[in-house]
Protein backbone atom coordinates (compact mmCIF):
# COMPACT_ATOMS: atom_id res chain seq x y z
CA MET A 1 63.32 -110.41 30.82
CA ALA A 2 64.13 -107.17 32.69
CA ILE A 3 60.88 -107.41 34.66
CA LYS A 4 61.59 -111.00 35.67
CA LEU A 5 65.14 -110.17 36.73
CA ILE A 6 64.00 -107.18 38.80
CA PHE A 7 61.51 -109.41 40.66
CA LEU A 8 64.24 -111.96 41.31
CA PHE A 9 66.82 -109.40 42.43
CA CYS A 10 64.42 -107.83 44.95
CA PHE A 11 63.49 -111.28 46.25
CA PHE A 12 67.12 -112.32 46.74
CA VAL A 13 68.03 -109.07 48.51
CA VAL A 14 65.14 -109.42 50.96
CA MET A 15 65.92 -113.07 51.76
CA ILE A 16 69.59 -112.42 52.47
CA GLY A 17 68.74 -109.23 54.40
CA VAL A 18 66.47 -111.23 56.69
CA GLY A 19 69.30 -113.73 57.23
CA VAL A 20 71.69 -110.95 58.26
CA TYR A 21 69.06 -109.46 60.60
CA ALA A 22 68.24 -112.82 62.18
CA ARG A 23 71.90 -113.63 62.79
CA LYS A 24 71.88 -111.09 65.63
CA GLN A 25 69.07 -113.03 67.34
CA VAL A 26 70.99 -116.34 67.36
CA LYS A 27 72.91 -116.68 70.61
CA ASN A 28 72.73 -120.44 71.22
CA VAL A 29 71.58 -123.78 69.78
CA GLY A 30 68.01 -123.24 71.03
CA ASP A 31 67.78 -119.96 69.13
CA PHE A 32 69.24 -121.49 65.94
CA VAL A 33 67.02 -124.60 65.91
CA LEU A 34 63.85 -123.49 67.75
CA GLY A 35 63.79 -119.70 67.62
CA GLY A 36 63.93 -119.72 71.44
CA ARG A 37 60.50 -121.44 71.53
CA ALA A 38 58.95 -117.97 71.30
CA VAL A 39 57.63 -117.73 67.74
CA GLY A 40 54.17 -116.19 67.29
CA PRO A 41 51.12 -117.70 65.56
CA TRP A 42 51.41 -115.89 62.23
CA LEU A 43 55.07 -116.77 61.69
CA THR A 44 54.51 -120.36 62.83
CA ALA A 45 51.39 -120.89 60.71
CA PHE A 46 53.05 -119.48 57.59
CA ALA A 47 56.22 -121.49 58.32
CA TYR A 48 54.07 -124.64 58.51
CA GLY A 49 52.18 -123.85 55.31
CA THR A 50 55.14 -122.74 53.22
CA SER A 51 57.17 -125.77 54.34
CA TYR A 52 54.21 -127.96 53.34
CA PHE A 53 53.75 -126.58 49.81
CA SER A 54 56.61 -126.10 47.36
CA ALA A 55 57.40 -126.61 43.69
CA VAL A 56 56.69 -130.27 44.40
CA VAL A 57 53.01 -129.37 44.77
CA PHE A 58 52.74 -126.51 42.28
CA VAL A 59 54.75 -128.13 39.47
CA GLY A 60 55.00 -131.85 40.23
CA TYR A 61 51.85 -132.94 42.04
CA ALA A 62 49.48 -130.39 40.47
CA GLY A 63 50.72 -131.36 37.01
CA GLN A 64 50.71 -135.13 37.47
CA PHE A 65 47.50 -135.54 39.45
CA GLY A 66 45.66 -132.80 37.61
CA TRP A 67 46.42 -134.72 34.41
CA LYS A 68 45.33 -138.05 35.91
CA TYR A 69 42.22 -136.99 37.85
CA GLY A 70 41.13 -133.69 36.30
CA LEU A 71 39.27 -131.25 38.53
CA ALA A 72 38.79 -134.01 41.12
CA SER A 73 42.46 -133.46 42.04
CA THR A 74 41.17 -130.42 43.97
CA TRP A 75 40.16 -132.95 46.65
CA ILE A 76 43.87 -133.40 47.36
CA GLY A 77 44.17 -129.72 48.25
CA ILE A 78 41.02 -129.88 50.40
CA GLY A 79 42.43 -132.94 52.19
CA ASN A 80 45.71 -131.09 52.74
CA ALA A 81 43.83 -128.22 54.36
CA LEU A 82 41.47 -130.27 56.55
CA ILE A 83 43.68 -133.25 57.46
CA GLY A 84 47.21 -132.01 56.85
CA SER A 85 46.67 -128.61 58.47
CA LEU A 86 43.48 -128.31 60.57
CA LEU A 87 43.51 -131.76 62.20
CA ALA A 88 47.30 -131.77 62.50
CA TRP A 89 47.21 -128.55 64.53
CA VAL A 90 44.22 -129.65 66.61
CA ILE A 91 45.51 -133.14 67.43
CA LEU A 92 49.27 -132.58 67.52
CA GLY A 93 49.78 -128.86 68.19
CA ARG A 94 49.39 -128.40 71.94
CA ARG A 95 50.54 -131.86 72.99
CA THR A 96 53.67 -131.62 70.84
CA ARG A 97 54.62 -128.23 72.20
CA VAL A 98 53.98 -129.16 75.82
CA MET A 99 55.69 -132.56 75.80
CA THR A 100 58.72 -131.53 73.74
CA ASN A 101 59.23 -128.51 76.00
CA HIS A 102 58.94 -130.77 79.06
CA LEU A 103 61.44 -133.27 77.61
CA LYS A 104 63.75 -130.50 76.30
CA SER A 105 63.57 -132.06 72.83
CA ALA A 106 64.74 -130.02 69.85
CA THR A 107 64.07 -132.58 67.09
CA MET A 108 61.79 -135.54 66.38
CA PRO A 109 64.54 -138.16 66.98
CA ASP A 110 65.35 -136.37 70.24
CA PHE A 111 61.68 -136.68 71.21
CA PHE A 112 61.68 -140.42 70.46
CA GLY A 113 64.84 -140.91 72.52
CA SER A 114 63.43 -139.10 75.57
CA ARG A 115 59.82 -140.29 75.30
CA PHE A 116 60.80 -143.95 74.98
CA ASP A 117 63.98 -143.74 77.06
CA SER A 118 66.15 -145.22 74.30
CA LYS A 119 69.31 -143.82 72.77
CA PRO A 120 69.36 -146.44 69.94
CA ILE A 121 65.85 -145.36 68.86
CA LYS A 122 67.04 -141.75 68.80
CA ILE A 123 70.12 -142.55 66.72
CA VAL A 124 68.28 -144.71 64.18
CA ALA A 125 65.53 -142.07 63.85
CA SER A 126 68.18 -139.44 63.09
CA ILE A 127 69.71 -141.64 60.38
CA ILE A 128 66.28 -142.31 58.79
CA SER A 129 65.55 -138.56 58.84
CA PHE A 130 68.83 -137.61 57.23
CA ILE A 131 68.70 -140.23 54.47
CA PHE A 132 65.08 -139.77 53.41
CA LEU A 133 64.97 -135.98 53.53
CA ILE A 134 67.48 -135.95 50.67
CA PRO A 135 65.16 -137.15 47.85
CA TYR A 136 62.48 -134.75 49.06
CA THR A 137 64.94 -131.86 48.83
CA ALA A 138 66.08 -132.95 45.37
CA SER A 139 62.48 -133.03 44.17
CA VAL A 140 62.01 -129.41 45.27
CA TYR A 141 65.04 -128.28 43.25
CA ASN A 142 63.82 -130.27 40.29
CA GLY A 143 60.38 -128.66 40.17
CA LEU A 144 61.62 -125.11 40.54
CA SER A 145 64.37 -125.51 37.99
CA ARG A 146 61.93 -126.64 35.30
CA LEU A 147 59.96 -123.44 35.81
CA PHE A 148 63.13 -121.34 35.70
CA GLY A 149 64.13 -123.01 32.46
CA MET A 150 60.77 -122.04 30.97
CA ALA A 151 60.97 -118.43 32.19
CA PHE A 152 64.64 -117.59 31.61
CA ASN A 153 65.89 -120.26 29.19
CA ILE A 154 68.97 -120.94 31.30
CA PRO A 155 70.58 -124.34 32.00
CA TYR A 156 68.96 -126.56 34.59
CA TRP A 157 72.12 -126.96 36.69
CA ILE A 158 72.55 -123.19 37.08
CA CYS A 159 68.99 -122.97 38.49
CA VAL A 160 69.68 -125.74 40.99
CA LEU A 161 73.02 -124.33 42.10
CA SER A 162 71.75 -120.74 42.47
CA MET A 163 68.82 -121.82 44.58
CA ALA A 164 71.03 -124.02 46.77
CA VAL A 165 73.48 -121.21 47.47
CA LEU A 166 70.78 -118.68 48.35
CA THR A 167 68.98 -121.10 50.68
CA GLY A 168 72.23 -122.07 52.36
CA VAL A 169 73.25 -118.45 52.97
CA TYR A 170 70.19 -117.32 54.88
CA VAL A 171 69.71 -120.54 56.85
CA ILE A 172 73.38 -120.60 57.90
CA LEU A 173 73.18 -116.94 58.91
CA GLY A 174 69.94 -116.86 60.88
CA GLY A 175 68.74 -120.41 61.56
CA TYR A 176 65.05 -120.87 62.39
CA ILE A 177 64.32 -117.17 62.96
CA ALA A 178 65.53 -116.30 59.45
CA THR A 179 63.54 -119.22 58.07
CA ALA A 180 60.33 -118.19 59.87
CA ILE A 181 60.50 -114.53 58.85
CA ASN A 182 61.29 -115.39 55.26
CA ASP A 183 58.50 -117.99 55.28
CA PHE A 184 56.03 -115.26 56.25
CA ILE A 185 57.17 -113.00 53.40
CA GLN A 186 57.18 -115.93 50.98
CA GLY A 187 53.70 -116.97 52.14
CA ILE A 188 52.25 -113.56 51.29
CA ILE A 189 53.80 -113.80 47.82
CA MET A 190 52.33 -117.29 47.36
CA LEU A 191 48.80 -116.16 48.31
CA VAL A 192 48.81 -113.24 45.88
CA GLY A 193 50.52 -115.25 43.16
CA ILE A 194 48.23 -118.29 43.12
CA VAL A 195 45.10 -116.14 42.78
CA ALA A 196 46.64 -114.20 39.87
CA VAL A 197 47.83 -117.34 38.10
CA ILE A 198 44.50 -119.19 38.34
CA GLY A 199 42.66 -116.16 37.01
CA ALA A 200 45.05 -115.77 34.07
CA VAL A 201 45.10 -119.45 33.08
CA ILE A 202 41.31 -119.85 33.16
CA SER A 203 40.86 -116.61 31.23
CA SER A 204 43.16 -117.95 28.52
CA GLN A 205 40.62 -120.78 28.00
CA GLY A 206 37.66 -118.41 27.65
CA GLY A 207 36.62 -118.25 31.30
CA PHE A 208 35.57 -120.78 33.94
CA ILE A 209 32.37 -122.12 32.33
CA THR A 210 34.01 -122.47 28.91
CA ALA A 211 37.05 -124.23 30.40
CA ILE A 212 34.83 -126.70 32.29
CA GLY A 213 32.91 -127.37 29.07
CA LYS A 214 36.12 -128.11 27.16
CA LEU A 215 37.32 -130.42 29.93
CA SER A 216 34.05 -132.35 29.96
CA GLU A 217 34.43 -133.13 26.25
CA LEU A 218 37.71 -134.98 26.73
CA GLU A 219 37.74 -138.78 26.71
CA SER A 220 39.43 -140.50 29.64
CA ASP A 221 42.41 -142.73 28.89
CA ILE A 222 42.13 -144.50 32.26
CA PRO A 223 40.82 -148.10 31.84
CA LEU A 224 38.25 -147.73 34.63
CA THR A 225 36.25 -145.22 32.60
CA LEU A 226 36.17 -147.22 29.34
CA GLY A 227 37.05 -144.08 27.38
CA GLN A 228 33.97 -142.12 28.45
CA LYS A 229 33.79 -138.34 28.16
CA GLY A 230 33.35 -136.08 31.17
CA ALA A 231 35.48 -138.02 33.68
CA PHE A 232 37.99 -135.17 34.07
CA ALA A 233 35.24 -132.71 35.01
CA SER A 234 33.41 -135.12 37.34
CA PHE A 235 33.12 -134.94 41.13
CA PHE A 236 35.49 -137.81 42.02
CA GLY A 237 37.35 -138.09 38.72
CA PRO A 238 38.21 -141.20 36.69
CA ASP A 239 40.08 -143.12 39.44
CA PRO A 240 38.74 -142.39 42.96
CA LEU A 241 40.69 -145.17 44.74
CA ASN A 242 44.13 -143.99 43.62
CA LEU A 243 43.03 -140.41 44.26
CA LEU A 244 42.30 -141.41 47.87
CA GLY A 245 45.85 -142.79 48.17
CA VAL A 246 47.27 -139.44 47.14
CA VAL A 247 45.03 -137.62 49.64
CA ILE A 248 46.21 -139.91 52.45
CA LEU A 249 49.91 -139.58 51.64
CA THR A 250 49.94 -135.81 51.13
CA SER A 251 47.58 -135.01 54.05
CA LEU A 252 48.23 -137.53 56.80
CA GLY A 253 51.91 -137.68 55.89
CA THR A 254 52.63 -134.26 57.39
CA TRP A 255 51.87 -135.66 60.84
CA GLY A 256 55.03 -137.74 60.73
CA LEU A 257 57.47 -135.45 58.89
CA PRO A 258 60.24 -134.05 61.15
CA GLN A 259 60.39 -130.65 59.44
CA MET A 260 56.60 -130.17 59.76
CA VAL A 261 56.12 -131.31 63.35
CA HIS A 262 59.11 -129.17 64.32
CA LYS A 263 56.95 -126.06 63.87
CA PHE A 264 54.88 -127.04 66.92
CA TYR A 265 58.05 -127.15 69.05
CA THR A 266 58.73 -123.48 68.41
CA ILE A 267 55.37 -121.77 68.99
CA LYS A 268 55.31 -119.65 72.12
CA ASP A 269 52.04 -120.55 73.94
CA GLU A 270 48.64 -122.27 73.74
CA LYS A 271 46.82 -119.12 72.64
CA SER A 272 49.16 -118.93 69.66
CA ILE A 273 48.33 -122.54 68.75
CA ARG A 274 44.63 -121.73 68.51
CA ALA A 275 45.27 -118.74 66.24
CA GLY A 276 47.85 -120.66 64.21
CA THR A 277 45.34 -123.44 63.54
CA ILE A 278 42.95 -121.07 61.77
CA ILE A 279 45.66 -119.22 59.83
CA SER A 280 47.37 -122.42 58.68
CA THR A 281 44.12 -124.03 57.50
CA ILE A 282 43.04 -121.01 55.43
CA PHE A 283 46.52 -120.76 53.93
CA ALA A 284 46.48 -124.45 52.93
CA LEU A 285 43.01 -124.21 51.44
CA ILE A 286 44.03 -121.34 49.17
CA ILE A 287 47.49 -122.59 48.17
CA ALA A 288 46.93 -126.36 47.93
CA GLY A 289 43.33 -126.14 46.74
CA GLY A 290 44.32 -123.52 44.18
CA SER A 291 47.34 -125.47 42.90
CA TYR A 292 45.45 -128.72 42.33
CA PHE A 293 42.46 -126.87 40.89
CA LEU A 294 44.82 -125.21 38.42
CA GLY A 295 46.45 -128.54 37.56
CA GLY A 296 43.01 -130.00 36.82
CA PHE A 297 42.90 -127.96 33.60
CA GLY A 298 46.24 -129.34 32.38
CA ARG A 299 44.76 -131.46 29.57
CA LEU A 300 43.38 -128.34 27.91
CA PHE A 301 47.00 -127.36 27.17
CA ASP A 302 47.99 -130.68 25.61
CA ASN A 303 50.78 -130.32 23.00
CA ASP A 304 54.01 -131.97 21.87
CA THR A 305 56.21 -130.20 24.44
CA ILE A 306 54.92 -132.33 27.33
CA TYR A 307 55.79 -135.67 25.72
CA SER A 308 59.07 -137.56 25.69
CA GLU A 309 60.57 -139.06 22.53
CA GLN A 310 58.92 -142.35 23.52
CA GLY A 311 55.51 -140.67 23.62
CA LYS A 312 55.14 -140.68 27.41
CA VAL A 313 53.75 -137.67 29.28
CA ILE A 314 56.40 -135.67 31.14
CA TYR A 315 54.29 -134.71 34.16
CA ASP A 316 56.76 -132.13 35.46
CA ALA A 317 56.44 -130.21 32.17
CA ILE A 318 52.64 -129.83 32.31
CA VAL A 319 52.33 -126.78 34.58
CA PRO A 320 55.25 -124.87 32.98
CA ASN A 321 53.59 -125.55 29.62
CA MET A 322 50.32 -124.06 30.94
CA LEU A 323 52.11 -120.88 31.95
CA HIS A 324 54.60 -120.13 29.19
CA ASN A 325 52.25 -117.94 27.12
CA LEU A 326 51.33 -115.61 29.98
CA SER A 327 52.61 -112.03 30.17
CA ASP A 328 56.12 -111.27 31.43
CA VAL A 329 54.71 -109.66 34.57
CA LEU A 330 52.66 -112.74 35.41
CA ILE A 331 55.55 -115.09 34.67
CA GLY A 332 57.71 -112.96 36.94
CA ILE A 333 55.09 -113.29 39.69
CA ILE A 334 54.88 -117.06 39.10
CA VAL A 335 58.64 -117.49 39.29
CA VAL A 336 58.78 -115.61 42.59
CA LEU A 337 55.71 -117.53 43.81
CA VAL A 338 57.27 -120.94 43.18
CA LEU A 339 60.68 -119.73 44.34
CA SER A 340 59.04 -118.61 47.59
CA ALA A 341 57.28 -121.92 48.06
CA SER A 342 60.38 -123.94 47.28
CA MET A 343 62.91 -121.96 49.31
CA SER A 344 60.72 -122.06 52.40
CA THR A 345 60.48 -125.84 52.10
CA LEU A 346 64.19 -126.22 51.41
CA SER A 347 65.20 -124.08 54.37
CA SER A 348 63.01 -126.17 56.64
CA LEU A 349 64.43 -129.41 55.26
CA VAL A 350 68.10 -128.46 55.54
CA LEU A 351 67.66 -127.04 59.05
CA SER A 352 65.83 -130.17 60.17
CA SER A 353 68.38 -132.56 58.68
CA SER A 354 71.47 -130.71 59.93
CA SER A 355 70.13 -130.29 63.48
CA THR A 356 69.08 -133.94 63.60
CA ILE A 357 72.42 -135.35 62.48
CA THR A 358 74.35 -132.96 64.78
CA LEU A 359 72.29 -133.10 67.97
CA ASP A 360 70.92 -136.63 67.75
CA PHE A 361 73.79 -138.55 66.15
CA ILE A 362 77.19 -136.83 66.42
CA LYS A 363 76.60 -135.29 69.85
CA ASP A 364 75.26 -138.54 71.29
CA THR A 365 77.71 -141.00 69.75
CA LEU A 366 80.92 -139.37 68.56
CA TYR A 367 81.45 -136.14 70.48
CA LYS A 368 79.47 -136.11 73.72
CA ASP A 369 81.06 -133.05 75.36
CA MET A 370 80.44 -130.70 72.46
CA SER A 371 80.14 -127.00 73.29
CA GLU A 372 77.24 -124.93 71.94
CA LYS A 373 79.65 -123.06 69.67
CA LYS A 374 80.86 -126.32 68.14
CA GLN A 375 77.29 -127.59 67.77
CA LEU A 376 76.35 -124.46 65.82
CA GLY A 377 79.48 -124.82 63.69
CA ILE A 378 78.82 -128.48 62.87
CA MET A 379 75.16 -127.79 62.07
CA ARG A 380 76.22 -125.11 59.59
CA ILE A 381 78.72 -127.52 58.01
CA PHE A 382 76.02 -130.16 57.64
CA ILE A 383 73.67 -127.62 56.06
CA VAL A 384 76.27 -127.22 53.30
CA PHE A 385 76.81 -131.00 53.11
CA PHE A 386 73.09 -131.78 52.92
CA ILE A 387 72.51 -129.14 50.25
CA GLY A 388 75.46 -130.50 48.25
CA ILE A 389 74.15 -134.08 48.21
CA SER A 390 70.65 -133.01 47.22
CA VAL A 391 72.04 -130.80 44.44
CA VAL A 392 73.93 -133.73 42.95
CA LEU A 393 70.77 -135.86 43.09
CA ALA A 394 68.64 -133.05 41.64
CA ILE A 395 70.98 -132.43 38.71
CA ARG A 396 70.70 -136.08 37.69
CA PRO A 397 67.04 -136.86 38.44
CA THR A 398 65.90 -140.39 37.66
CA VAL A 399 62.18 -140.19 38.49
CA PHE A 400 59.37 -137.66 38.34
CA ILE A 401 58.99 -135.16 41.15
CA ALA A 402 55.92 -136.85 42.61
CA GLN A 403 57.71 -140.21 42.79
CA MET A 404 60.75 -138.73 44.55
CA MET A 405 58.53 -137.01 47.10
CA GLY A 406 56.42 -140.16 47.53
CA ILE A 407 59.52 -142.19 48.43
CA SER A 408 60.63 -139.60 51.00
CA TRP A 409 57.22 -139.01 52.57
CA GLY A 410 56.41 -142.71 52.61
CA ALA A 411 59.56 -143.71 54.48
CA LEU A 412 59.55 -140.81 56.96
CA ALA A 413 55.84 -140.69 57.74
CA GLY A 414 55.54 -144.48 57.58
CA ALA A 415 58.29 -144.82 60.19
CA PHE A 416 57.49 -141.85 62.46
CA LEU A 417 53.78 -141.00 62.27
CA ALA A 418 52.37 -143.84 64.38
CA PRO A 419 54.88 -143.84 67.28
CA PHE A 420 54.81 -140.03 67.40
CA LEU A 421 51.01 -139.75 67.43
CA TYR A 422 50.43 -142.62 69.86
CA GLY A 423 53.39 -141.48 71.94
CA LEU A 424 51.73 -138.13 72.62
CA TYR A 425 48.46 -139.68 73.79
CA TRP A 426 48.95 -143.26 74.96
CA LYS A 427 51.16 -144.29 77.86
CA LYS A 428 51.33 -147.94 76.80
CA VAL A 429 53.32 -147.53 73.57
CA THR A 430 56.42 -149.73 73.85
CA LYS A 431 59.94 -149.58 72.47
CA ALA A 432 59.28 -152.70 70.40
CA ALA A 433 56.30 -150.95 68.75
CA VAL A 434 58.51 -148.01 67.79
CA TRP A 435 61.06 -150.36 66.22
CA ALA A 436 58.27 -152.17 64.39
CA SER A 437 57.01 -148.90 62.92
CA PHE A 438 60.51 -147.92 61.79
CA ILE A 439 60.97 -151.29 60.08
CA ILE A 440 57.56 -151.21 58.37
CA GLY A 441 57.80 -147.60 57.18
CA VAL A 442 61.29 -147.88 55.73
CA GLY A 443 60.78 -151.53 54.69
CA ILE A 444 57.66 -151.03 52.59
CA THR A 445 59.05 -147.93 50.88
CA THR A 446 62.52 -149.27 50.06
CA SER A 447 61.39 -152.77 49.09
CA ASN A 448 58.81 -151.28 46.75
CA MET A 449 61.57 -149.22 45.10
CA ILE A 450 63.31 -152.50 44.24
CA PHE A 451 60.49 -154.94 43.54
CA LYS A 452 57.73 -152.48 42.51
CA TYR A 453 54.89 -154.66 43.84
CA ILE A 454 52.86 -151.44 44.20
CA SER A 455 52.95 -149.50 40.93
CA SER A 456 52.83 -146.05 42.54
CA PRO A 457 55.38 -144.93 45.18
CA VAL A 458 52.65 -142.58 46.41
CA ASN A 459 50.31 -145.47 47.20
CA ALA A 460 53.21 -147.42 48.75
CA GLY A 461 53.84 -144.46 51.06
CA ALA A 462 50.16 -144.26 52.02
CA LEU A 463 50.19 -148.01 52.79
CA ALA A 464 53.30 -147.61 54.98
CA MET A 465 51.58 -144.94 57.09
CA VAL A 466 48.35 -146.90 57.54
CA ALA A 467 50.33 -150.07 58.36
CA GLY A 468 52.22 -148.22 61.10
CA LEU A 469 49.00 -146.98 62.67
CA VAL A 470 47.75 -150.59 62.84
CA VAL A 471 51.00 -152.26 63.92
CA VAL A 472 52.03 -149.94 66.77
CA PRO A 473 49.03 -150.65 69.06
CA ILE A 474 49.16 -154.40 68.31
CA VAL A 475 52.87 -154.69 69.11
CA SER A 476 52.45 -152.46 72.18
CA ILE A 477 49.83 -154.83 73.60
CA LEU A 478 52.03 -157.89 72.99
CA SER A 479 55.46 -156.55 74.01
CA PRO A 480 57.02 -155.63 77.40
CA LYS A 481 55.80 -152.33 78.85
CA MET A 482 57.97 -149.37 79.83
CA LYS A 483 58.49 -148.57 83.52
CA LYS A 484 55.36 -146.87 84.84
CA ASP A 485 57.17 -144.21 86.88
CA LYS A 486 59.14 -142.99 83.85
CA VAL A 487 56.06 -142.82 81.64
CA ASP A 488 54.10 -141.00 84.35
CA LYS A 489 56.85 -138.38 84.58
CA VAL A 490 56.65 -137.82 80.82
CA PHE A 491 52.87 -137.36 80.85
CA ALA A 492 52.83 -135.18 83.99
CA CYS A 493 53.36 -132.14 81.75
CA TYR A 494 49.76 -132.31 80.49
CA GLU A 495 48.41 -131.60 83.95
CA GLU A 496 49.68 -128.04 83.68
CA SER A 497 47.82 -125.39 81.68
CA ASP A 498 48.79 -122.53 79.38
CA ILE A 499 52.40 -123.61 79.14
């Protein structure tokens, strides 16, 4: 216990110390939200990767999808690296930075408002962001707290509250700069930790070859496989179609998430984008690929502790169950690893939500002549408010981590991905198409919560994203076009180089 507590104490001191240091760098709203648009490639790439992967991945997704698909769940991590990181940086990176800088946009709703010349679009986008970032945040608390309960045997609510307070302190103090620096430190911890954990878990099963052999002897309980052995060690697993849905949601979804795209706003130049692309992709391959690969061995640790009283598998308990027999040093490393992953994601979420509601809703509708000092003050208040709501939701969770995240990602990416992507490249996207995407993304996700016509929220989220990509160009062709001179002014920024 002493070793674990020492690791935690050092971690907390460093995080708060960075917040105090970064506070001196924050002189205005641009510094607090965007880091002055001067953040280098390493900090930006690690901020992107650590915001992407949290306890939701390591505990929730790795446990649930590793159990369902076996080693084939590693494809999710590969998809995250190639689609969610590499292609996202290549396709969105430069254009996002250049256009948002040209439009003076600090948030995704702000971008929509300026790009499509519509204040109502901006306001509605800010409301969607604020509402649907909450379940995502709650799912992060949930995953981390289960691991803390395993390692320290302390009440769940204390874990949630402690994490919320620490995150709030350093984000309120230093804004994006504190977040980016801490993300870099946390990213290093994650890289070292995931390698150590995979090695220890596989060794506990007699080594890699032995573990694969054990996995291949298990019968699949998924109807598609008719109870055959070997499905959990096969190339595409027992259910390739549903596996594809998870890959789409968790990989393509990042393209439409406000807190992820925000990283491209802050990077300092085009040279940094090229370097950041490589760094971010390697980071994702190690962290996401490693997490899902680890989860693929979950069935080898099957015991009574992962089942409810009704005999159902508690997916969020699978990974903690795999780890609880490791040494105290390794458990200490794991706790700091998952704490690092989770706090980086949380800081990104709370900063994104508070800046969106302050700059895009309150400043535009309720208090138009707000000074920069008041904007910073209100953003800090909303950081506390947002954390408070998500804590309440996390303390009384009603669904598994993966489902909570699926609802959040489905609504946000389903609403925002298509108009954001097309809006960067295609001049003919219309306001009506943006509204259509908002309605479809939020509509599919929320209606499925009520009527459950798609059994998995993850697949519903994937459907919402794909539907938006189809609907936006169709509606744009059929609906009234924007004024050509205004659109031309927006796209004139791409004619410049090395901005």
